[in-house]
N, C-alpha and C. Protein backbone atom coordinates (compact mmCIF):
# COMPACT_ATOMS: atom_id res chain seq x y z
N MET A 1 -34.52 -164.66 154.32
CA MET A 1 -33.31 -165.28 154.79
C MET A 1 -32.73 -166.13 153.67
N LYS A 2 -31.42 -166.07 153.56
CA LYS A 2 -30.75 -166.76 152.46
C LYS A 2 -29.81 -167.84 153.01
N ILE A 3 -30.22 -169.07 152.79
CA ILE A 3 -29.42 -170.21 153.21
C ILE A 3 -29.68 -171.34 152.22
N GLU A 4 -28.66 -172.12 151.96
CA GLU A 4 -28.83 -173.27 151.08
C GLU A 4 -27.95 -174.41 151.57
N GLN A 5 -28.37 -175.61 151.23
CA GLN A 5 -27.55 -176.76 151.60
C GLN A 5 -26.23 -176.68 150.84
N ALA A 6 -25.17 -177.04 151.53
CA ALA A 6 -23.87 -177.08 150.87
C ALA A 6 -23.88 -178.20 149.83
N THR A 7 -23.23 -177.95 148.72
CA THR A 7 -23.13 -178.97 147.68
C THR A 7 -22.14 -180.05 148.11
N LYS A 8 -22.16 -181.16 147.41
CA LYS A 8 -21.20 -182.24 147.71
C LYS A 8 -19.77 -181.72 147.57
N GLU A 9 -19.54 -180.92 146.53
CA GLU A 9 -18.21 -180.35 146.30
C GLU A 9 -17.79 -179.46 147.47
N GLU A 10 -18.70 -178.60 147.93
CA GLU A 10 -18.39 -177.73 149.07
C GLU A 10 -18.14 -178.54 150.34
N ILE A 11 -18.94 -179.57 150.56
CA ILE A 11 -18.74 -180.43 151.73
C ILE A 11 -17.38 -181.11 151.66
N ASN A 12 -17.01 -181.59 150.48
CA ASN A 12 -15.69 -182.23 150.32
C ASN A 12 -14.56 -181.24 150.56
N GLU A 13 -14.73 -180.00 150.10
CA GLU A 13 -13.71 -178.98 150.34
C GLU A 13 -13.59 -178.66 151.83
N LEU A 14 -14.74 -178.56 152.51
CA LEU A 14 -14.72 -178.31 153.95
C LEU A 14 -14.07 -179.46 154.70
N LYS A 15 -14.38 -180.69 154.30
CA LYS A 15 -13.78 -181.86 154.96
C LYS A 15 -12.27 -181.90 154.72
N ALA A 16 -11.86 -181.57 153.51
CA ALA A 16 -10.43 -181.58 153.20
C ALA A 16 -9.68 -180.55 154.05
N LYS A 17 -10.31 -179.41 154.28
CA LYS A 17 -9.66 -178.35 155.04
C LYS A 17 -9.76 -178.58 156.55
N PHE A 18 -10.95 -178.91 157.03
CA PHE A 18 -11.18 -178.94 158.48
C PHE A 18 -11.23 -180.35 159.07
N LYS A 19 -11.28 -181.38 158.22
CA LYS A 19 -11.27 -182.79 158.63
C LYS A 19 -12.56 -183.28 159.29
N LYS A 20 -13.16 -182.47 160.15
CA LYS A 20 -14.36 -182.89 160.88
C LYS A 20 -15.37 -181.75 160.92
N PHE A 21 -16.65 -182.13 161.02
CA PHE A 21 -17.69 -181.11 161.18
C PHE A 21 -18.09 -180.96 162.64
N ASN A 22 -17.95 -182.00 163.40
CA ASN A 22 -18.32 -181.94 164.82
C ASN A 22 -17.10 -181.59 165.68
N VAL A 23 -16.46 -180.48 165.33
CA VAL A 23 -15.25 -180.06 166.05
C VAL A 23 -15.54 -179.75 167.51
N ASP A 24 -16.80 -179.52 167.85
CA ASP A 24 -17.14 -179.27 169.25
C ASP A 24 -16.89 -180.50 170.12
N LEU A 25 -16.76 -181.67 169.51
CA LEU A 25 -16.52 -182.90 170.26
C LEU A 25 -15.04 -183.28 170.36
N LEU A 26 -14.18 -182.49 169.75
CA LEU A 26 -12.75 -182.80 169.78
C LEU A 26 -12.19 -182.66 171.19
N GLU A 27 -11.50 -183.70 171.66
CA GLU A 27 -10.87 -183.62 172.97
C GLU A 27 -9.55 -182.85 172.89
N GLU A 28 -8.88 -182.97 171.76
CA GLU A 28 -7.60 -182.29 171.54
C GLU A 28 -7.66 -181.52 170.23
N PRO A 29 -8.29 -180.34 170.21
CA PRO A 29 -8.40 -179.60 168.95
C PRO A 29 -7.05 -179.22 168.35
N SER A 30 -6.03 -179.12 169.18
CA SER A 30 -4.70 -178.76 168.67
C SER A 30 -4.11 -179.85 167.77
N GLU A 31 -4.70 -181.04 167.76
CA GLU A 31 -4.26 -182.09 166.82
C GLU A 31 -4.70 -181.76 165.40
N TYR A 32 -5.75 -180.96 165.26
CA TYR A 32 -6.30 -180.60 163.96
C TYR A 32 -6.05 -179.15 163.58
N PHE A 33 -5.90 -178.30 164.59
CA PHE A 33 -5.77 -176.87 164.35
C PHE A 33 -4.51 -176.34 165.02
N ASN A 34 -3.79 -175.49 164.33
CA ASN A 34 -2.53 -174.93 164.85
C ASN A 34 -2.75 -173.82 165.87
N PHE A 35 -3.89 -173.15 165.79
CA PHE A 35 -4.15 -172.01 166.66
C PHE A 35 -5.52 -172.17 167.31
N VAL A 36 -5.52 -172.20 168.63
CA VAL A 36 -6.73 -172.48 169.40
C VAL A 36 -6.90 -171.39 170.44
N GLY A 37 -8.11 -170.88 170.56
CA GLY A 37 -8.42 -169.88 171.57
C GLY A 37 -9.90 -169.91 171.89
N ILE A 38 -10.30 -169.04 172.79
CA ILE A 38 -11.71 -168.92 173.14
C ILE A 38 -12.12 -167.46 173.03
N MET A 39 -13.12 -167.22 172.20
CA MET A 39 -13.68 -165.87 172.10
C MET A 39 -14.55 -165.68 173.35
N ASP A 40 -14.25 -164.62 174.09
CA ASP A 40 -14.88 -164.46 175.40
C ASP A 40 -15.07 -162.99 175.71
N VAL A 41 -15.94 -162.73 176.66
CA VAL A 41 -16.19 -161.38 177.17
C VAL A 41 -15.03 -160.96 178.06
N TYR A 42 -14.36 -161.92 178.68
CA TYR A 42 -13.27 -161.65 179.61
C TYR A 42 -11.95 -162.16 179.03
N ASN A 43 -10.87 -161.52 179.43
CA ASN A 43 -9.56 -161.95 178.95
C ASN A 43 -8.89 -162.92 179.92
N TYR A 44 -9.67 -163.47 180.83
CA TYR A 44 -9.17 -164.45 181.79
C TYR A 44 -10.27 -165.44 182.10
N VAL A 45 -9.91 -166.57 182.67
CA VAL A 45 -10.89 -167.57 183.07
C VAL A 45 -11.50 -167.10 184.39
N LEU A 46 -12.83 -167.08 184.44
CA LEU A 46 -13.50 -166.62 185.65
C LEU A 46 -13.25 -167.58 186.82
N SER A 47 -13.21 -167.01 188.00
CA SER A 47 -13.12 -167.84 189.20
C SER A 47 -14.45 -168.58 189.35
N GLU A 48 -14.46 -169.58 190.18
CA GLU A 48 -15.68 -170.34 190.42
C GLU A 48 -16.79 -169.42 190.94
N GLN A 49 -16.43 -168.51 191.83
CA GLN A 49 -17.41 -167.58 192.39
C GLN A 49 -17.96 -166.64 191.32
N GLU A 50 -17.07 -166.10 190.47
CA GLU A 50 -17.52 -165.20 189.40
C GLU A 50 -18.46 -165.93 188.44
N ALA A 51 -18.12 -167.17 188.11
CA ALA A 51 -18.97 -167.96 187.21
C ALA A 51 -20.32 -168.24 187.85
N ASN A 52 -20.31 -168.61 189.12
CA ASN A 52 -21.56 -168.88 189.83
C ASN A 52 -22.46 -167.65 189.88
N ASP A 53 -21.85 -166.48 190.04
CA ASP A 53 -22.62 -165.23 190.09
C ASP A 53 -23.35 -164.95 188.77
N LEU A 54 -22.78 -165.45 187.67
CA LEU A 54 -23.38 -165.19 186.35
C LEU A 54 -24.36 -166.27 185.92
N LEU A 55 -24.38 -167.42 186.60
CA LEU A 55 -25.27 -168.50 186.22
C LEU A 55 -26.73 -168.03 186.24
N GLY A 56 -27.40 -168.29 185.14
CA GLY A 56 -28.81 -167.93 185.05
C GLY A 56 -29.06 -166.44 184.94
N TYR A 57 -28.02 -165.66 184.78
CA TYR A 57 -28.14 -164.21 184.69
C TYR A 57 -28.22 -163.82 183.21
N ASN A 58 -29.44 -163.82 182.67
CA ASN A 58 -29.65 -163.55 181.25
C ASN A 58 -29.19 -162.17 180.83
N GLU A 59 -29.19 -161.23 181.77
CA GLU A 59 -28.76 -159.87 181.45
C GLU A 59 -27.31 -159.86 180.94
N HIS A 60 -26.51 -160.76 181.46
CA HIS A 60 -25.11 -160.84 181.03
C HIS A 60 -25.03 -161.14 179.54
N ASN A 61 -25.74 -162.18 179.09
CA ASN A 61 -25.71 -162.53 177.68
C ASN A 61 -26.32 -161.42 176.82
N LEU A 62 -27.41 -160.84 177.28
CA LEU A 62 -28.03 -159.74 176.53
C LEU A 62 -27.10 -158.53 176.42
N ARG A 63 -26.39 -158.28 177.49
CA ARG A 63 -25.48 -157.12 177.52
C ARG A 63 -24.39 -157.23 176.46
N TYR A 64 -23.92 -158.45 176.21
CA TYR A 64 -22.80 -158.63 175.27
C TYR A 64 -23.23 -159.18 173.92
N SER A 65 -24.51 -159.42 173.73
CA SER A 65 -24.95 -160.05 172.48
C SER A 65 -24.58 -159.22 171.25
N SER A 66 -24.69 -157.91 171.33
CA SER A 66 -24.36 -157.09 170.16
C SER A 66 -22.88 -157.19 169.81
N HIS A 67 -22.02 -157.39 170.80
CA HIS A 67 -20.58 -157.55 170.53
C HIS A 67 -20.35 -158.81 169.68
N PHE A 68 -21.04 -159.88 170.04
CA PHE A 68 -20.89 -161.13 169.29
C PHE A 68 -21.54 -161.02 167.92
N GLN A 69 -22.71 -160.40 167.86
CA GLN A 69 -23.38 -160.23 166.56
C GLN A 69 -22.49 -159.44 165.60
N LYS A 70 -21.94 -158.33 166.07
CA LYS A 70 -21.08 -157.50 165.22
C LYS A 70 -19.84 -158.26 164.78
N THR A 71 -19.27 -159.03 165.68
CA THR A 71 -18.08 -159.82 165.35
C THR A 71 -18.38 -160.81 164.23
N PHE A 72 -19.45 -161.58 164.39
CA PHE A 72 -19.81 -162.57 163.37
C PHE A 72 -20.13 -161.91 162.04
N ILE A 73 -20.82 -160.78 162.07
CA ILE A 73 -21.16 -160.08 160.83
C ILE A 73 -19.88 -159.62 160.12
N GLN A 74 -18.94 -159.08 160.88
CA GLN A 74 -17.68 -158.63 160.26
C GLN A 74 -16.88 -159.80 159.70
N LEU A 75 -16.86 -160.91 160.40
CA LEU A 75 -16.19 -162.11 159.87
C LEU A 75 -16.88 -162.58 158.60
N PHE A 76 -18.19 -162.58 158.62
CA PHE A 76 -18.99 -162.97 157.45
C PHE A 76 -18.68 -162.07 156.26
N ASN A 77 -18.57 -160.77 156.50
CA ASN A 77 -18.36 -159.82 155.41
C ASN A 77 -17.01 -159.95 154.73
N ILE A 78 -16.10 -160.68 155.31
CA ILE A 78 -14.83 -160.93 154.65
C ILE A 78 -15.04 -161.76 153.40
N GLU A 79 -15.94 -162.74 153.47
CA GLU A 79 -16.14 -163.61 152.32
C GLU A 79 -17.58 -163.69 151.83
N LYS A 80 -18.49 -163.03 152.51
CA LYS A 80 -19.90 -162.96 152.13
C LYS A 80 -20.61 -164.31 152.19
N GLU A 81 -20.04 -165.25 152.89
CA GLU A 81 -20.72 -166.51 153.16
C GLU A 81 -19.99 -167.22 154.29
N VAL A 82 -20.73 -168.04 154.98
CA VAL A 82 -20.16 -168.85 156.04
C VAL A 82 -20.93 -170.16 156.02
N TYR A 83 -20.25 -171.22 156.34
CA TYR A 83 -20.92 -172.51 156.43
C TYR A 83 -21.25 -172.78 157.88
N VAL A 84 -22.37 -173.44 158.09
CA VAL A 84 -22.80 -173.75 159.45
C VAL A 84 -23.17 -175.22 159.50
N HIS A 85 -22.73 -175.87 160.58
CA HIS A 85 -23.10 -177.25 160.81
C HIS A 85 -24.27 -177.26 161.78
N VAL A 86 -25.38 -177.78 161.31
CA VAL A 86 -26.59 -177.89 162.13
C VAL A 86 -26.70 -179.35 162.53
N TYR A 87 -26.41 -179.63 163.79
CA TYR A 87 -26.46 -181.00 164.29
C TYR A 87 -27.90 -181.35 164.61
N LYS A 88 -28.44 -182.32 163.88
CA LYS A 88 -29.86 -182.62 163.97
C LYS A 88 -30.18 -183.84 164.81
N LYS A 89 -29.19 -184.66 165.09
CA LYS A 89 -29.44 -185.87 165.87
C LYS A 89 -29.51 -185.53 167.35
N GLY A 90 -30.30 -186.30 168.06
CA GLY A 90 -30.35 -186.15 169.51
C GLY A 90 -31.18 -184.98 170.01
N LEU A 91 -31.88 -184.29 169.14
CA LEU A 91 -32.73 -183.18 169.55
C LEU A 91 -34.14 -183.72 169.77
N SER A 92 -34.58 -183.71 171.00
CA SER A 92 -35.92 -184.25 171.31
C SER A 92 -37.00 -183.31 170.80
N LYS A 93 -38.22 -183.81 170.75
CA LYS A 93 -39.35 -182.97 170.32
C LYS A 93 -39.54 -181.80 171.28
N ALA A 94 -39.35 -182.06 172.57
CA ALA A 94 -39.50 -180.99 173.56
C ALA A 94 -38.44 -179.91 173.35
N GLN A 95 -37.21 -180.32 173.08
CA GLN A 95 -36.15 -179.35 172.83
C GLN A 95 -36.44 -178.55 171.56
N PHE A 96 -36.90 -179.25 170.54
CA PHE A 96 -37.22 -178.59 169.28
C PHE A 96 -38.33 -177.56 169.48
N LYS A 97 -39.36 -177.93 170.23
CA LYS A 97 -40.47 -177.00 170.50
C LYS A 97 -39.98 -175.80 171.31
N PHE A 98 -39.08 -176.04 172.26
CA PHE A 98 -38.54 -174.94 173.05
C PHE A 98 -37.78 -173.96 172.16
N ILE A 99 -36.97 -174.49 171.25
CA ILE A 99 -36.23 -173.63 170.33
C ILE A 99 -37.21 -172.78 169.51
N LEU A 100 -38.22 -173.44 168.96
CA LEU A 100 -39.20 -172.71 168.14
C LEU A 100 -39.91 -171.64 168.95
N SER A 101 -40.20 -171.92 170.21
CA SER A 101 -40.89 -170.93 171.05
C SER A 101 -40.01 -169.73 171.38
N SER A 102 -38.70 -169.89 171.21
CA SER A 102 -37.75 -168.80 171.50
C SER A 102 -37.55 -167.88 170.31
N LEU A 103 -38.14 -168.23 169.19
CA LEU A 103 -37.95 -167.48 167.95
C LEU A 103 -39.23 -166.75 167.56
N ASN A 104 -39.09 -165.71 166.75
CA ASN A 104 -40.29 -165.09 166.21
C ASN A 104 -40.85 -166.00 165.12
N ARG A 105 -42.03 -165.68 164.62
CA ARG A 105 -42.72 -166.55 163.67
C ARG A 105 -41.86 -166.84 162.43
N ARG A 106 -41.25 -165.83 161.88
CA ARG A 106 -40.44 -166.01 160.65
C ARG A 106 -39.21 -166.88 160.92
N GLU A 107 -38.53 -166.61 162.04
CA GLU A 107 -37.35 -167.40 162.39
C GLU A 107 -37.73 -168.85 162.68
N ALA A 108 -38.86 -169.05 163.36
CA ALA A 108 -39.32 -170.41 163.68
C ALA A 108 -39.63 -171.19 162.41
N SER A 109 -40.28 -170.55 161.46
CA SER A 109 -40.58 -171.20 160.18
C SER A 109 -39.29 -171.59 159.47
N PHE A 110 -38.35 -170.67 159.46
CA PHE A 110 -37.04 -170.92 158.86
C PHE A 110 -36.35 -172.10 159.54
N PHE A 111 -36.31 -172.10 160.88
CA PHE A 111 -35.63 -173.16 161.63
C PHE A 111 -36.31 -174.51 161.39
N ARG A 112 -37.63 -174.52 161.35
CA ARG A 112 -38.38 -175.75 161.10
C ARG A 112 -37.99 -176.35 159.75
N LYS A 113 -37.85 -175.50 158.74
CA LYS A 113 -37.48 -175.98 157.39
C LYS A 113 -36.10 -176.64 157.37
N LEU A 114 -35.20 -176.17 158.21
CA LEU A 114 -33.86 -176.77 158.26
C LEU A 114 -33.91 -178.25 158.65
N PHE A 115 -34.93 -178.60 159.43
CA PHE A 115 -35.02 -179.96 159.95
C PHE A 115 -35.87 -180.87 159.07
N THR A 116 -36.19 -180.44 157.86
CA THR A 116 -36.95 -181.28 156.95
C THR A 116 -36.05 -182.26 156.19
N THR A 117 -34.74 -182.07 156.26
CA THR A 117 -33.79 -182.99 155.63
C THR A 117 -32.80 -183.48 156.67
N LYS A 118 -32.11 -184.55 156.34
CA LYS A 118 -31.12 -185.11 157.27
C LYS A 118 -29.77 -184.41 157.16
N LYS A 119 -29.53 -183.76 156.03
CA LYS A 119 -28.23 -183.09 155.85
C LYS A 119 -28.10 -181.92 156.79
N GLY A 120 -26.87 -181.63 157.21
CA GLY A 120 -26.70 -180.61 158.22
C GLY A 120 -25.66 -179.54 157.93
N ILE A 121 -25.10 -179.49 156.73
CA ILE A 121 -24.13 -178.45 156.39
C ILE A 121 -24.81 -177.47 155.44
N TYR A 122 -24.85 -176.21 155.88
CA TYR A 122 -25.53 -175.17 155.10
C TYR A 122 -24.58 -174.00 154.83
N LYS A 123 -24.86 -173.32 153.74
CA LYS A 123 -24.12 -172.10 153.41
C LYS A 123 -25.03 -170.93 153.68
N ILE A 124 -24.63 -170.08 154.63
CA ILE A 124 -25.37 -168.87 154.96
C ILE A 124 -24.92 -167.78 154.01
N LYS A 125 -25.88 -167.09 153.43
CA LYS A 125 -25.55 -166.11 152.41
C LYS A 125 -26.00 -164.69 152.74
N ASP A 126 -26.51 -164.48 153.97
CA ASP A 126 -26.86 -163.11 154.34
C ASP A 126 -26.73 -162.92 155.85
N GLU A 127 -26.63 -161.66 156.24
CA GLU A 127 -26.42 -161.31 157.64
C GLU A 127 -27.60 -161.69 158.53
N GLU A 128 -28.80 -161.56 158.00
CA GLU A 128 -30.00 -161.87 158.79
C GLU A 128 -30.01 -163.33 159.23
N THR A 129 -29.69 -164.23 158.31
CA THR A 129 -29.66 -165.66 158.63
C THR A 129 -28.57 -165.95 159.63
N LEU A 130 -27.39 -165.38 159.40
CA LEU A 130 -26.29 -165.57 160.34
C LEU A 130 -26.70 -165.09 161.73
N SER A 131 -27.36 -163.96 161.80
CA SER A 131 -27.78 -163.40 163.08
C SER A 131 -28.70 -164.34 163.86
N VAL A 132 -29.55 -165.07 163.16
CA VAL A 132 -30.44 -166.02 163.84
C VAL A 132 -29.61 -167.11 164.51
N PHE A 133 -28.64 -167.68 163.80
CA PHE A 133 -27.81 -168.73 164.38
C PHE A 133 -26.96 -168.21 165.53
N VAL A 134 -26.43 -167.02 165.38
CA VAL A 134 -25.61 -166.43 166.45
C VAL A 134 -26.48 -166.16 167.67
N LYS A 135 -27.68 -165.64 167.46
CA LYS A 135 -28.60 -165.37 168.57
C LYS A 135 -28.92 -166.66 169.34
N LEU A 136 -29.16 -167.74 168.63
CA LEU A 136 -29.45 -169.01 169.30
C LEU A 136 -28.29 -169.46 170.17
N SER A 137 -27.07 -169.27 169.69
CA SER A 137 -25.89 -169.64 170.48
C SER A 137 -25.70 -168.70 171.67
N ILE A 138 -25.84 -167.41 171.44
CA ILE A 138 -25.67 -166.43 172.52
C ILE A 138 -26.66 -166.70 173.64
N ASN A 139 -27.89 -167.01 173.27
CA ASN A 139 -28.94 -167.26 174.26
C ASN A 139 -28.93 -168.68 174.81
N GLU A 140 -27.94 -169.47 174.37
CA GLU A 140 -27.74 -170.84 174.86
C GLU A 140 -28.96 -171.72 174.60
N ILE A 141 -29.58 -171.50 173.45
CA ILE A 141 -30.77 -172.26 173.07
C ILE A 141 -30.41 -173.40 172.13
N TYR A 142 -29.53 -173.10 171.17
CA TYR A 142 -29.10 -174.10 170.19
C TYR A 142 -27.73 -173.67 169.67
N PHE A 143 -26.76 -174.56 169.77
CA PHE A 143 -25.39 -174.22 169.38
C PHE A 143 -25.08 -174.75 167.99
N SER A 144 -24.46 -173.90 167.19
CA SER A 144 -24.02 -174.28 165.85
C SER A 144 -22.51 -174.13 165.77
N THR A 145 -21.96 -174.75 164.73
CA THR A 145 -20.54 -174.61 164.43
C THR A 145 -20.43 -173.84 163.13
N PHE A 146 -19.62 -172.78 163.15
CA PHE A 146 -19.49 -171.87 162.01
C PHE A 146 -18.13 -172.06 161.36
N PHE A 147 -18.12 -172.29 160.05
CA PHE A 147 -16.89 -172.51 159.29
C PHE A 147 -16.63 -171.30 158.39
N PHE A 148 -15.55 -170.57 158.67
CA PHE A 148 -15.14 -169.44 157.86
C PHE A 148 -14.01 -169.93 156.96
N TYR A 149 -14.39 -170.35 155.76
CA TYR A 149 -13.48 -171.06 154.87
C TYR A 149 -12.23 -170.26 154.53
N SER A 150 -12.39 -169.02 154.07
CA SER A 150 -11.22 -168.24 153.63
C SER A 150 -10.32 -167.84 154.80
N LEU A 151 -10.85 -167.88 156.02
CA LEU A 151 -10.04 -167.57 157.20
C LEU A 151 -9.45 -168.84 157.82
N ASP A 152 -9.76 -169.99 157.25
CA ASP A 152 -9.28 -171.28 157.78
C ASP A 152 -9.66 -171.44 159.25
N THR A 153 -10.84 -170.97 159.61
CA THR A 153 -11.21 -170.86 161.02
C THR A 153 -12.61 -171.41 161.27
N VAL A 154 -12.75 -172.03 162.44
CA VAL A 154 -14.03 -172.55 162.91
C VAL A 154 -14.34 -171.89 164.25
N VAL A 155 -15.60 -171.47 164.43
CA VAL A 155 -16.06 -170.93 165.71
C VAL A 155 -17.23 -171.80 166.16
N VAL A 156 -17.17 -172.23 167.42
CA VAL A 156 -18.18 -173.13 167.96
C VAL A 156 -19.03 -172.39 168.99
N GLY A 157 -20.34 -172.38 168.77
CA GLY A 157 -21.25 -171.82 169.77
C GLY A 157 -21.13 -172.61 171.06
N ASN A 158 -21.20 -171.91 172.20
CA ASN A 158 -20.96 -172.58 173.47
C ASN A 158 -21.60 -171.78 174.61
N TYR A 159 -21.64 -172.39 175.77
CA TYR A 159 -22.21 -171.77 176.96
C TYR A 159 -21.36 -170.60 177.46
N ASP A 160 -21.98 -169.75 178.25
CA ASP A 160 -21.31 -168.67 178.98
C ASP A 160 -20.55 -167.69 178.08
N LEU A 161 -21.00 -167.55 176.84
CA LEU A 161 -20.34 -166.65 175.88
C LEU A 161 -18.85 -166.94 175.76
N CYS A 162 -18.49 -168.20 175.84
CA CYS A 162 -17.11 -168.67 175.66
C CYS A 162 -17.10 -169.56 174.42
N PHE A 163 -16.87 -168.96 173.26
CA PHE A 163 -16.95 -169.67 171.99
C PHE A 163 -15.56 -170.12 171.55
N PRO A 164 -15.29 -171.42 171.54
CA PRO A 164 -14.00 -171.90 171.04
C PRO A 164 -13.77 -171.45 169.59
N LEU A 165 -12.53 -171.07 169.31
CA LEU A 165 -12.13 -170.63 167.99
C LEU A 165 -10.91 -171.44 167.59
N TYR A 166 -11.00 -172.13 166.46
CA TYR A 166 -9.91 -172.98 165.98
C TYR A 166 -9.51 -172.51 164.60
N SER A 167 -8.22 -172.31 164.41
CA SER A 167 -7.75 -171.83 163.11
C SER A 167 -6.56 -172.66 162.62
N LYS A 168 -6.53 -172.87 161.32
CA LYS A 168 -5.43 -173.61 160.70
C LYS A 168 -4.21 -172.72 160.47
N THR A 169 -4.43 -171.41 160.30
CA THR A 169 -3.33 -170.52 159.94
C THR A 169 -3.24 -169.33 160.89
N ILE A 170 -2.04 -168.80 161.02
CA ILE A 170 -1.83 -167.62 161.86
C ILE A 170 -2.54 -166.42 161.25
N GLU A 171 -2.59 -166.35 159.92
CA GLU A 171 -3.27 -165.23 159.25
C GLU A 171 -4.76 -165.21 159.61
N GLY A 172 -5.40 -166.37 159.50
CA GLY A 172 -6.81 -166.46 159.84
C GLY A 172 -7.06 -166.15 161.31
N PHE A 173 -6.21 -166.70 162.17
CA PHE A 173 -6.35 -166.48 163.61
C PHE A 173 -6.20 -165.00 163.95
N ASN A 174 -5.17 -164.37 163.38
CA ASN A 174 -4.92 -162.95 163.68
C ASN A 174 -6.02 -162.05 163.13
N LYS A 175 -6.56 -162.36 161.96
CA LYS A 175 -7.65 -161.56 161.40
C LYS A 175 -8.88 -161.66 162.30
N CYS A 176 -9.18 -162.88 162.75
CA CYS A 176 -10.31 -163.07 163.68
C CYS A 176 -10.05 -162.33 164.98
N LYS A 177 -8.86 -162.44 165.51
CA LYS A 177 -8.51 -161.78 166.77
C LYS A 177 -8.68 -160.27 166.65
N GLN A 178 -8.24 -159.71 165.53
CA GLN A 178 -8.36 -158.27 165.30
C GLN A 178 -9.83 -157.84 165.33
N ILE A 179 -10.67 -158.56 164.62
CA ILE A 179 -12.10 -158.23 164.56
C ILE A 179 -12.75 -158.42 165.93
N ILE A 180 -12.41 -159.49 166.60
CA ILE A 180 -12.96 -159.78 167.93
C ILE A 180 -12.61 -158.65 168.90
N GLU A 181 -11.37 -158.23 168.90
CA GLU A 181 -10.93 -157.17 169.82
C GLU A 181 -11.54 -155.82 169.45
N GLN A 182 -11.76 -155.55 168.16
CA GLN A 182 -12.42 -154.32 167.74
C GLN A 182 -13.83 -154.22 168.31
N ASN A 183 -14.42 -155.36 168.60
CA ASN A 183 -15.79 -155.40 169.10
C ASN A 183 -15.86 -155.60 170.62
N GLY A 184 -14.77 -155.31 171.30
CA GLY A 184 -14.78 -155.33 172.76
C GLY A 184 -14.76 -156.71 173.39
N LEU A 185 -14.34 -157.72 172.62
CA LEU A 185 -14.22 -159.08 173.14
C LEU A 185 -12.75 -159.48 173.16
N PHE A 186 -12.48 -160.69 173.64
CA PHE A 186 -11.10 -161.15 173.79
C PHE A 186 -10.96 -162.56 173.21
N ILE A 187 -9.72 -162.90 172.87
CA ILE A 187 -9.33 -164.28 172.59
C ILE A 187 -8.40 -164.69 173.73
N ARG A 188 -8.80 -165.72 174.43
CA ARG A 188 -7.92 -166.22 175.49
C ARG A 188 -7.57 -167.67 175.22
N SER A 189 -6.47 -168.09 175.79
CA SER A 189 -5.99 -169.48 175.58
C SER A 189 -6.62 -170.41 176.59
């Protein structure tokens, strides 16, 4: 697996472009991003009943996981790297152990190494590493924020396969939308 801590210069460039790393906490993402959507399995917001029917239904996430994996890999292949924000604060020992138990031995060793430092911005340099982070988000085990620098776009791992997508430019947003739709997913407002 190929991952390295982002350099100070890279972190400064990301901050200059995206302003914040914890975009998942933004109450009004449209204040920072011109184009906002949600990458989803459905092109509409589920009714309360539909959502309740899917709660705890792991088959749903498994059924669509390859769609998300392919989407992220294609986005990654545009620039051959993606930055990921690994939020390390507030993770209890029990949560950390649960995450490790959800991974194979190699992935668990890799994930454990990420938590040996306090820094949390990493540059992913291969598809295998990206797939581990995407898998954790798809399975709702650990959510990461993915920064696609050349696309001016951020994708936030989230529950129910509803990943917020924030873009600074129409070009980046449309390129992401094209790839997302090619993989049988939708962008909804």
